[in-house]
Amino acid sequence: TIKSIGGSYSRNHPCVSVVFVSLINFHVSYEQQYEDGKFYARILNEFYEDIEELFLDPRFS
């Protein structure tokens, strides 16, 4: 359901996680020329998979 709260809208979700991440010096190490950026896309994907495993762990649910 969507609720109007003072002109803003919100929505309730039963199971949601939000992660804010800062990858220090990512812009320094990222090179588009190296494998067309696919190497770093793979690193970011592996990082996300590790975080997702933590979310699926019953200790953190």
PDB file of N, CA and C in Angstrom:
ATOM      1  N   THR A   1       0.837  -1.185   0.000  1.00  0.00           N
ATOM      2  CA  THR A   1       0.000   0.000   0.000  1.00  0.00           C
ATOM      3  C   THR A   1       0.881   1.247   0.000  1.00  0.00           C
ATOM      4  N   ILE A   2       0.415   2.291  -0.659  1.00  0.00           N
ATOM      5  CA  ILE A   2       1.134   3.562  -0.691  1.00  0.00           C
ATOM      6  C   ILE A   2       0.399   4.543   0.202  1.00  0.00           C
ATOM      7  N   LYS A   3       1.138   5.187   1.097  1.00  0.00           N
ATOM      8  CA  LYS A   3       0.552   6.147   2.020  1.00  0.00           C
ATOM      9  C   LYS A   3       1.096   7.529   1.724  1.00  0.00           C
ATOM     10  N   SER A   4       0.240   8.522   1.792  1.00  0.00           N
ATOM     11  CA  SER A   4       0.679   9.899   1.636  1.00  0.00           C
ATOM     12  C   SER A   4       0.947  10.480   3.010  1.00  0.00           C
ATOM     13  N   ILE A   5       2.190  10.934   3.216  1.00  0.00           N
ATOM     14  CA  ILE A   5       2.572  11.514   4.496  1.00  0.00           C
ATOM     15  C   ILE A   5       3.095  12.916   4.232  1.00  0.00           C
ATOM     16  N   GLY A   6       2.269  13.909   4.501  1.00  0.00           N
ATOM     17  CA  GLY A   6       2.702  15.288   4.298  1.00  0.00           C
ATOM     18  C   GLY A   6       3.145  15.592   2.882  1.00  0.00           C
ATOM     19  N   GLY A   7       2.483  15.040   1.895  1.00  0.00           N
ATOM     20  CA  GLY A   7       2.827  15.299   0.508  1.00  0.00           C
ATOM     21  C   GLY A   7       3.852  14.320  -0.053  1.00  0.00           C
ATOM     22  N   SER A   8       4.528  13.571   0.804  1.00  0.00           N
ATOM     23  CA  SER A   8       5.474  12.552   0.333  1.00  0.00           C
ATOM     24  C   SER A   8       4.784  11.201   0.337  1.00  0.00           C
ATOM     25  N   TYR A   9       5.300  10.300  -0.442  1.00  0.00           N
ATOM     26  CA  TYR A   9       4.720   8.967  -0.499  1.00  0.00           C
ATOM     27  C   TYR A   9       5.699   7.945   0.059  1.00  0.00           C
ATOM     28  N   SER A  10       5.167   6.976   0.733  1.00  0.00           N
ATOM     29  CA  SER A  10       5.991   5.882   1.246  1.00  0.00           C
ATOM     30  C   SER A  10       5.289   4.574   0.937  1.00  0.00           C
ATOM     31  N   ARG A  11       6.057   3.515   0.974  1.00  0.00           N
ATOM     32  CA  ARG A  11       5.507   2.195   0.706  1.00  0.00           C
ATOM     33  C   ARG A  11       6.131   1.227   1.700  1.00  0.00           C
ATOM     34  N   ASN A  12       5.314   0.360   2.284  1.00  0.00           N
ATOM     35  CA  ASN A  12       5.816  -0.646   3.221  1.00  0.00           C
ATOM     36  C   ASN A  12       6.285  -1.871   2.459  1.00  0.00           C
ATOM     37  N   HIS A  13       7.452  -2.359   2.836  1.00  0.00           N
ATOM     38  CA  HIS A  13       8.007  -3.578   2.250  1.00  0.00           C
ATOM     39  C   HIS A  13       8.392  -4.503   3.395  1.00  0.00           C
ATOM     40  N   PRO A  14       8.010  -5.771   3.331  1.00  0.00           N
ATOM     41  CA  PRO A  14       8.254  -6.678   4.455  1.00  0.00           C
ATOM     42  C   PRO A  14       9.727  -7.050   4.654  1.00  0.00           C
ATOM     43  N   CYS A  15      10.525  -7.038   3.597  1.00  0.00           N
ATOM     44  CA  CYS A  15      11.907  -7.496   3.738  1.00  0.00           C
ATOM     45  C   CYS A  15      12.810  -6.697   2.805  1.00  0.00           C
ATOM     46  N   VAL A  16      13.406  -5.630   3.339  1.00  0.00           N
ATOM     47  CA  VAL A  16      14.226  -4.746   2.525  1.00  0.00           C
ATOM     48  C   VAL A  16      15.508  -4.417   3.274  1.00  0.00           C
ATOM     49  N   SER A  17      16.597  -4.374   2.524  1.00  0.00           N
ATOM     50  CA  SER A  17      17.879  -3.944   3.089  1.00  0.00           C
ATOM     51  C   SER A  17      18.444  -2.843   2.212  1.00  0.00           C
ATOM     52  N   VAL A  18      19.111  -1.914   2.834  1.00  0.00           N
ATOM     53  CA  VAL A  18      19.777  -0.832   2.114  1.00  0.00           C
ATOM     54  C   VAL A  18      21.226  -0.813   2.558  1.00  0.00           C
ATOM     55  N   VAL A  19      22.122  -0.765   1.582  1.00  0.00           N
ATOM     56  CA  VAL A  19      23.550  -0.749   1.884  1.00  0.00           C
ATOM     57  C   VAL A  19      24.159   0.473   1.209  1.00  0.00           C
ATOM     58  N   PHE A  20      24.905   1.248   1.970  1.00  0.00           N
ATOM     59  CA  PHE A  20      25.654   2.366   1.423  1.00  0.00           C
ATOM     60  C   PHE A  20      27.127   1.982   1.474  1.00  0.00           C
ATOM     61  N   VAL A  21      27.786   2.068   0.338  1.00  0.00           N
ATOM     62  CA  VAL A  21      29.168   1.615   0.245  1.00  0.00           C
ATOM     63  C   VAL A  21      30.012   2.708  -0.388  1.00  0.00           C
ATOM     64  N   SER A  22      31.185   2.869   0.142  1.00  0.00           N
ATOM     65  CA  SER A  22      32.158   3.780  -0.452  1.00  0.00           C
ATOM     66  C   SER A  22      33.391   2.966  -0.809  1.00  0.00           C
ATOM     67  N   LEU A  23      33.688   2.893  -2.091  1.00  0.00           N
ATOM     68  CA  LEU A  23      34.869   2.173  -2.546  1.00  0.00           C
ATOM     69  C   LEU A  23      36.002   3.195  -2.676  1.00  0.00           C
ATOM     70  N   ILE A  24      36.880   3.184  -1.711  1.00  0.00           N
ATOM     71  CA  ILE A  24      37.954   4.167  -1.636  1.00  0.00           C
ATOM     72  C   ILE A  24      38.877   4.034  -2.842  1.00  0.00           C
ATOM     73  N   ASN A  25      39.138   5.141  -3.479  1.00  0.00           N
ATOM     74  CA  ASN A  25      40.041   5.233  -4.636  1.00  0.00           C
ATOM     75  C   ASN A  25      39.623   4.348  -5.810  1.00  0.00           C
ATOM     76  N   PHE A  26      38.344   4.047  -5.916  1.00  0.00           N
ATOM     77  CA  PHE A  26      37.882   3.233  -7.037  1.00  0.00           C
ATOM     78  C   PHE A  26      38.192   3.925  -8.358  1.00  0.00           C
ATOM     79  N   HIS A  27      37.990   5.224  -8.407  1.00  0.00           N
ATOM     80  CA  HIS A  27      38.240   5.971  -9.651  1.00  0.00           C
ATOM     81  C   HIS A  27      39.709   5.938 -10.053  1.00  0.00           C
ATOM     82  N   VAL A  28      40.597   5.749  -9.093  1.00  0.00           N
ATOM     83  CA  VAL A  28      42.028   5.683  -9.395  1.00  0.00           C
ATOM     84  C   VAL A  28      42.376   4.332 -10.022  1.00  0.00           C
ATOM     85  N   SER A  29      41.817   3.269  -9.471  1.00  0.00           N
ATOM     86  CA  SER A  29      42.175   1.933  -9.951  1.00  0.00           C
ATOM     87  C   SER A  29      41.349   1.478 -11.146  1.00  0.00           C
ATOM     88  N   TYR A  30      40.170   2.080 -11.362  1.00  0.00           N
ATOM     89  CA  TYR A  30      39.319   1.666 -12.484  1.00  0.00           C
ATOM     90  C   TYR A  30      39.899   2.189 -13.791  1.00  0.00           C
ATOM     91  N   GLU A  31      40.036   1.309 -14.747  1.00  0.00           N
ATOM     92  CA  GLU A  31      40.498   1.708 -16.077  1.00  0.00           C
ATOM     93  C   GLU A  31      39.567   1.099 -17.111  1.00  0.00           C
ATOM     94  N   GLN A  32      38.906   1.955 -17.858  1.00  0.00           N
ATOM     95  CA  GLN A  32      37.988   1.496 -18.893  1.00  0.00           C
ATOM     96  C   GLN A  32      38.747   0.713 -19.964  1.00  0.00           C
ATOM     97  N   GLN A  33      39.991   1.070 -20.196  1.00  0.00           N
ATOM     98  CA  GLN A  33      40.759   0.411 -21.250  1.00  0.00           C
ATOM     99  C   GLN A  33      41.090  -1.040 -20.889  1.00  0.00           C
ATOM    100  N   TYR A  34      41.163  -1.357 -19.603  1.00  0.00           N
ATOM    101  CA  TYR A  34      41.534  -2.709 -19.183  1.00  0.00           C
ATOM    102  C   TYR A  34      40.329  -3.621 -19.299  1.00  0.00           C
ATOM    103  N   GLU A  35      40.341  -4.496 -20.281  1.00  0.00           N
ATOM    104  CA  GLU A  35      39.243  -5.438 -20.549  1.00  0.00           C
ATOM    105  C   GLU A  35      37.908  -4.704 -20.679  1.00  0.00           C
ATOM    106  N   ASP A  36      37.951  -3.494 -21.183  1.00  0.00           N
ATOM    107  CA  ASP A  36      36.749  -2.675 -21.395  1.00  0.00           C
ATOM    108  C   ASP A  36      35.951  -2.483 -20.099  1.00  0.00           C
ATOM    109  N   GLY A  37      36.661  -2.460 -18.968  1.00  0.00           N
ATOM    110  CA  GLY A  37      36.010  -2.251 -17.682  1.00  0.00           C
ATOM    111  C   GLY A  37      35.375  -3.497 -17.090  1.00  0.00           C
ATOM    112  N   LYS A  38      35.433  -4.616 -17.793  1.00  0.00           N
ATOM    113  CA  LYS A  38      34.773  -5.842 -17.327  1.00  0.00           C
ATOM    114  C   LYS A  38      35.424  -6.401 -16.063  1.00  0.00           C
ATOM    115  N   PHE A  39      36.731  -6.192 -15.907  1.00  0.00           N
ATOM    116  CA  PHE A  39      37.431  -6.692 -14.723  1.00  0.00           C
ATOM    117  C   PHE A  39      36.826  -6.092 -13.455  1.00  0.00           C
ATOM    118  N   TYR A  40      36.630  -4.784 -13.453  1.00  0.00           N
ATOM    119  CA  TYR A  40      36.091  -4.133 -12.259  1.00  0.00           C
ATOM    120  C   TYR A  40      34.607  -4.395 -12.085  1.00  0.00           C
ATOM    121  N   ALA A  41      33.898  -4.585 -13.179  1.00  0.00           N
ATOM    122  CA  ALA A  41      32.491  -4.986 -13.068  1.00  0.00           C
ATOM    123  C   ALA A  41      32.400  -6.336 -12.378  1.00  0.00           C
ATOM    124  N   ARG A  42      33.330  -7.232 -12.683  1.00  0.00           N
ATOM    125  CA  ARG A  42      33.367  -8.547 -12.048  1.00  0.00           C
ATOM    126  C   ARG A  42      33.671  -8.417 -10.550  1.00  0.00           C
ATOM    127  N   ILE A  43      34.601  -7.521 -10.199  1.00  0.00           N
ATOM    128  CA  ILE A  43      34.924  -7.297  -8.788  1.00  0.00           C
ATOM    129  C   ILE A  43      33.704  -6.769  -8.038  1.00  0.00           C
ATOM    130  N   LEU A  44      33.006  -5.795  -8.618  1.00  0.00           N
ATOM    131  CA  LEU A  44      31.808  -5.251  -7.968  1.00  0.00           C
ATOM    132  C   LEU A  44      30.727  -6.311  -7.831  1.00  0.00           C
ATOM    133  N   ASN A  45      30.585  -7.167  -8.823  1.00  0.00           N
ATOM    134  CA  ASN A  45      29.592  -8.237  -8.762  1.00  0.00           C
ATOM    135  C   ASN A  45      29.929  -9.228  -7.648  1.00  0.00           C
ATOM    136  N   GLU A  46      31.200  -9.580  -7.512  1.00  0.00           N
ATOM    137  CA  GLU A  46      31.613 -10.491  -6.440  1.00  0.00           C
ATOM    138  C   GLU A  46      31.370  -9.858  -5.069  1.00  0.00           C
ATOM    139  N   PHE A  47      31.624  -8.562  -4.960  1.00  0.00           N
ATOM    140  CA  PHE A  47      31.371  -7.854  -3.709  1.00  0.00           C
ATOM    141  C   PHE A  47      29.888  -7.926  -3.356  1.00  0.00           C
ATOM    142  N   TYR A  48      29.027  -7.674  -4.330  1.00  0.00           N
ATOM    143  CA  TYR A  48      27.588  -7.728  -4.109  1.00  0.00           C
ATOM    144  C   TYR A  48      27.153  -9.136  -3.689  1.00  0.00           C
ATOM    145  N   GLU A  49      27.716 -10.154  -4.340  1.00  0.00           N
ATOM    146  CA  GLU A  49      27.364 -11.532  -3.986  1.00  0.00           C
ATOM    147  C   GLU A  49      27.742 -11.850  -2.543  1.00  0.00           C
ATOM    148  N   ASP A  50      28.903 -11.344  -2.095  1.00  0.00           N
ATOM    149  CA  ASP A  50      29.310 -11.565  -0.707  1.00  0.00           C
ATOM    150  C   ASP A  50      28.334 -10.906   0.265  1.00  0.00           C
ATOM    151  N   ILE A  51      27.905  -9.692  -0.048  1.00  0.00           N
ATOM    152  CA  ILE A  51      26.942  -8.986   0.802  1.00  0.00           C
ATOM    153  C   ILE A  51      25.609  -9.732   0.805  1.00  0.00           C
ATOM    154  N   GLU A  52      25.197 -10.212  -0.354  1.00  0.00           N
ATOM    155  CA  GLU A  52      23.933 -10.942  -0.444  1.00  0.00           C
ATOM    156  C   GLU A  52      23.960 -12.208   0.415  1.00  0.00           C
ATOM    157  N   GLU A  53      25.097 -12.896   0.450  1.00  0.00           N
ATOM    158  CA  GLU A  53      25.223 -14.080   1.295  1.00  0.00           C
ATOM    159  C   GLU A  53      25.018 -13.723   2.768  1.00  0.00           C
ATOM    160  N   LEU A  54      25.515 -12.574   3.172  1.00  0.00           N
ATOM    161  CA  LEU A  54      25.307 -12.142   4.555  1.00  0.00           C
ATOM    162  C   LEU A  54      23.829 -11.896   4.836  1.00  0.00           C
ATOM    163  N   PHE A  55      23.132 -11.290   3.879  1.00  0.00           N
ATOM    164  CA  PHE A  55      21.705 -11.033   4.068  1.00  0.00           C
ATOM    165  C   PHE A  55      20.909 -12.321   4.178  1.00  0.00           C
ATOM    166  N   LEU A  56      21.365 -13.369   3.515  1.00  0.00           N
ATOM    167  CA  LEU A  56      20.658 -14.648   3.550  1.00  0.00           C
ATOM    168  C   LEU A  56      20.995 -15.469   4.787  1.00  0.00           C
ATOM    169  N   ASP A  57      22.010 -15.072   5.516  1.00  0.00           N
ATOM    170  CA  ASP A  57      22.408 -15.766   6.739  1.00  0.00           C
ATOM    171  C   ASP A  57      21.348 -15.531   7.819  1.00  0.00           C
ATOM    172  N   PRO A  58      20.794 -16.585   8.412  1.00  0.00           N
ATOM    173  CA  PRO A  58      19.744 -16.429   9.425  1.00  0.00           C
ATOM    174  C   PRO A  58      20.150 -15.549  10.610  1.00  0.00           C
ATOM    175  N   ARG A  59      21.442 -15.471  10.895  1.00  0.00           N
ATOM    176  CA  ARG A  59      21.891 -14.623  12.007  1.00  0.00           C
ATOM    177  C   ARG A  59      21.611 -13.149  11.758  1.00  0.00           C
ATOM    178  N   PHE A  60      21.482 -12.760  10.488  1.00  0.00           N
ATOM    179  CA  PHE A  60      21.285 -11.354  10.158  1.00  0.00           C
ATOM    180  C   PHE A  60      19.890 -11.065   9.626  1.00  0.00           C
ATOM    181  N   SER A  61      18.991 -12.024   9.715  1.00  0.00           N
ATOM    182  CA  SER A  61      17.638 -11.790   9.190  1.00  0.00           C
ATOM    183  C   SER A  61      16.740 -11.189  10.246  1.00  0.00           C
TER     184      SER A  61
END
